[in-house]
Amino acid sequence: MTEEWYSFRRSPRGEGADVIATLDEGSYSPVGFGDMDIRMGADHPIAWTRCVGKGRSFYSAIGHRVEVYAVPQTLGLLEDGIAWAAGKGAGSCVAAK
């Protein structure tokens, strides 16, 4: 897939995210800005879910290029993620006590 891949300062796993898709940085050439190195290494999350209080959050960094919406897997990821965030998926989110 050709896409504009984002890198993050830290993995969302540390904030309770359940990562559902990662990137293999060996499959593309990360491009930085100036002297900034944007590589995340072996753990490069690109889509995840996370409970926020009693709510649900779904995030995907896939979808910057119009042609990715013709890929069935992209549409499935978005449909499943939105359904989960709307409370239709397995599991529940409960505020920490």
C-alpha atoms as a PDB file:
ATOM      1  CA  MET A   1       0.000   0.000   0.000  1.00  0.00           C
ATOM      2  CA  THR A   2       1.282   3.453  -0.829  1.00  0.00           C
ATOM      3  CA  GLU A   3       0.321   5.839   1.949  1.00  0.00           C
ATOM      4  CA  GLU A   4       1.505   8.819   3.962  1.00  0.00           C
ATOM      5  CA  TRP A   5       2.675   6.931   7.053  1.00  0.00           C
ATOM      6  CA  TYR A   6       2.717   8.755  10.367  1.00  0.00           C
ATOM      7  CA  SER A   7       5.216   8.221  13.132  1.00  0.00           C
ATOM      8  CA  PHE A   8       4.481   9.020  16.754  1.00  0.00           C
ATOM      9  CA  ARG A   9       6.706  10.245  19.577  1.00  0.00           C
ATOM     10  CA  ARG A  10       5.726   7.211  21.651  1.00  0.00           C
ATOM     11  CA  SER A  11       3.631   4.110  21.229  1.00  0.00           C
ATOM     12  CA  PRO A  12      -0.022   4.378  22.308  1.00  0.00           C
ATOM     13  CA  ARG A  13       0.407   1.001  24.030  1.00  0.00           C
ATOM     14  CA  GLY A  14       1.722   2.859  27.085  1.00  0.00           C
ATOM     15  CA  GLU A  15      -1.611   4.657  27.402  1.00  0.00           C
ATOM     16  CA  GLY A  16      -3.710   1.494  27.302  1.00  0.00           C
ATOM     17  CA  ALA A  17      -4.242   1.176  23.552  1.00  0.00           C
ATOM     18  CA  ASP A  18      -4.924  -2.178  21.923  1.00  0.00           C
ATOM     19  CA  VAL A  19      -2.873  -1.988  18.715  1.00  0.00           C
ATOM     20  CA  ILE A  20      -4.598  -3.692  15.784  1.00  0.00           C
ATOM     21  CA  ALA A  21      -2.195  -2.788  12.960  1.00  0.00           C
ATOM     22  CA  THR A  22       1.513  -2.000  12.773  1.00  0.00           C
ATOM     23  CA  LEU A  23       3.962  -1.019  10.066  1.00  0.00           C
ATOM     24  CA  ASP A  24       7.082  -2.839   8.973  1.00  0.00           C
ATOM     25  CA  GLU A  25       9.527   0.037   8.581  1.00  0.00           C
ATOM     26  CA  GLY A  26      11.685  -2.218   6.416  1.00  0.00           C
ATOM     27  CA  SER A  27       8.974  -2.136   3.736  1.00  0.00           C
ATOM     28  CA  TYR A  28       9.268   1.607   3.052  1.00  0.00           C
ATOM     29  CA  SER A  29      11.680   4.495   3.539  1.00  0.00           C
ATOM     30  CA  PRO A  30      10.609   6.797   6.381  1.00  0.00           C
ATOM     31  CA  VAL A  31      11.109  10.439   5.444  1.00  0.00           C
ATOM     32  CA  GLY A  32      12.008  12.950   8.140  1.00  0.00           C
ATOM     33  CA  PHE A  33      11.926  16.712   8.278  1.00  0.00           C
ATOM     34  CA  GLY A  34      15.341  18.320   8.480  1.00  0.00           C
ATOM     35  CA  ASP A  35      17.433  16.355  10.966  1.00  0.00           C
ATOM     36  CA  MET A  36      14.421  14.751  12.668  1.00  0.00           C
ATOM     37  CA  ASP A  37      14.499  10.941  12.670  1.00  0.00           C
ATOM     38  CA  ILE A  38      10.914   9.671  12.522  1.00  0.00           C
ATOM     39  CA  ARG A  39      11.613   5.957  12.806  1.00  0.00           C
ATOM     40  CA  MET A  40       9.730   4.108  15.540  1.00  0.00           C
ATOM     41  CA  GLY A  41      11.530   0.808  15.090  1.00  0.00           C
ATOM     42  CA  ALA A  42      10.058  -2.657  15.553  1.00  0.00           C
ATOM     43  CA  ASP A  43       6.905  -1.333  17.246  1.00  0.00           C
ATOM     44  CA  HIS A  44       5.252   1.116  14.841  1.00  0.00           C
ATOM     45  CA  PRO A  45       1.486   1.140  15.570  1.00  0.00           C
ATOM     46  CA  ILE A  46      -0.737   2.600  12.853  1.00  0.00           C
ATOM     47  CA  ALA A  47      -4.259   1.676  14.066  1.00  0.00           C
ATOM     48  CA  TRP A  48      -5.590   1.015  17.548  1.00  0.00           C
ATOM     49  CA  THR A  49      -8.513   1.057  19.926  1.00  0.00           C
ATOM     50  CA  ARG A  50      -8.576   2.413  23.458  1.00  0.00           C
ATOM     51  CA  CYS A  51     -11.058   2.824  26.256  1.00  0.00           C
ATOM     52  CA  VAL A  52     -11.451   6.380  27.501  1.00  0.00           C
ATOM     53  CA  GLY A  53     -13.467   6.302  30.694  1.00  0.00           C
ATOM     54  CA  LYS A  54     -16.656   4.455  29.749  1.00  0.00           C
ATOM     55  CA  GLY A  55     -16.217   5.425  26.104  1.00  0.00           C
ATOM     56  CA  ARG A  56     -14.355   3.860  23.208  1.00  0.00           C
ATOM     57  CA  SER A  57     -11.827   5.426  20.865  1.00  0.00           C
ATOM     58  CA  PHE A  58     -10.725   4.053  17.490  1.00  0.00           C
ATOM     59  CA  TYR A  59      -7.778   5.576  15.610  1.00  0.00           C
ATOM     60  CA  SER A  60      -6.392   4.809  12.172  1.00  0.00           C
ATOM     61  CA  ALA A  61      -3.592   6.658  10.408  1.00  0.00           C
ATOM     62  CA  ILE A  62      -4.598   4.901   7.174  1.00  0.00           C
ATOM     63  CA  GLY A  63      -6.639   6.919   4.711  1.00  0.00           C
ATOM     64  CA  HIS A  64      -4.672   9.946   3.542  1.00  0.00           C
ATOM     65  CA  ARG A  65      -4.666   8.888  -0.096  1.00  0.00           C
ATOM     66  CA  VAL A  66      -7.961   8.486  -1.924  1.00  0.00           C
ATOM     67  CA  GLU A  67      -6.934   5.204  -3.575  1.00  0.00           C
ATOM     68  CA  VAL A  68      -6.648   3.360  -0.240  1.00  0.00           C
ATOM     69  CA  TYR A  69     -10.453   3.501   0.018  1.00  0.00           C
ATOM     70  CA  ALA A  70     -10.623   1.089  -2.930  1.00  0.00           C
ATOM     71  CA  VAL A  71      -8.765  -1.534  -0.844  1.00  0.00           C
ATOM     72  CA  PRO A  72     -11.298  -3.885   0.816  1.00  0.00           C
ATOM     73  CA  GLN A  73      -9.082  -4.344   3.888  1.00  0.00           C
ATOM     74  CA  THR A  74      -9.044  -0.574   4.492  1.00  0.00           C
ATOM     75  CA  LEU A  75     -12.829  -0.387   4.359  1.00  0.00           C
ATOM     76  CA  GLY A  76     -13.136  -3.426   6.640  1.00  0.00           C
ATOM     77  CA  LEU A  77     -10.765  -1.875   9.171  1.00  0.00           C
ATOM     78  CA  LEU A  78     -12.744   1.368   9.203  1.00  0.00           C
ATOM     79  CA  GLU A  79     -16.133  -0.351   9.382  1.00  0.00           C
ATOM     80  CA  ASP A  80     -15.036  -2.654  12.216  1.00  0.00           C
ATOM     81  CA  GLY A  81     -13.317   0.178  14.110  1.00  0.00           C
ATOM     82  CA  ILE A  82     -16.333   2.476  13.906  1.00  0.00           C
ATOM     83  CA  ALA A  83     -18.670  -0.353  14.935  1.00  0.00           C
ATOM     84  CA  TRP A  84     -16.450  -1.152  17.944  1.00  0.00           C
ATOM     85  CA  ALA A  85     -16.319   2.523  18.961  1.00  0.00           C
ATOM     86  CA  ALA A  86     -20.117   2.632  18.719  1.00  0.00           C
ATOM     87  CA  GLY A  87     -20.340  -0.230  21.230  1.00  0.00           C
ATOM     88  CA  LYS A  88     -21.128  -3.029  18.791  1.00  0.00           C
ATOM     89  CA  GLY A  89     -17.910  -4.988  19.267  1.00  0.00           C
ATOM     90  CA  ALA A  90     -16.802  -7.380  21.949  1.00  0.00           C
ATOM     91  CA  GLY A  91     -15.697  -6.048  25.307  1.00  0.00           C
ATOM     92  CA  SER A  92     -16.655  -3.029  27.323  1.00  0.00           C
ATOM     93  CA  CYS A  93     -14.986   0.030  28.716  1.00  0.00           C
ATOM     94  CA  VAL A  94     -15.292   0.752  32.403  1.00  0.00           C
ATOM     95  CA  ALA A  95     -13.772   3.740  34.152  1.00  0.00           C
ATOM     96  CA  ALA A  96     -10.826   2.872  36.380  1.00  0.00           C
ATOM     97  CA  LYS A  97     -11.602   2.796  40.121  1.00  0.00           C
END
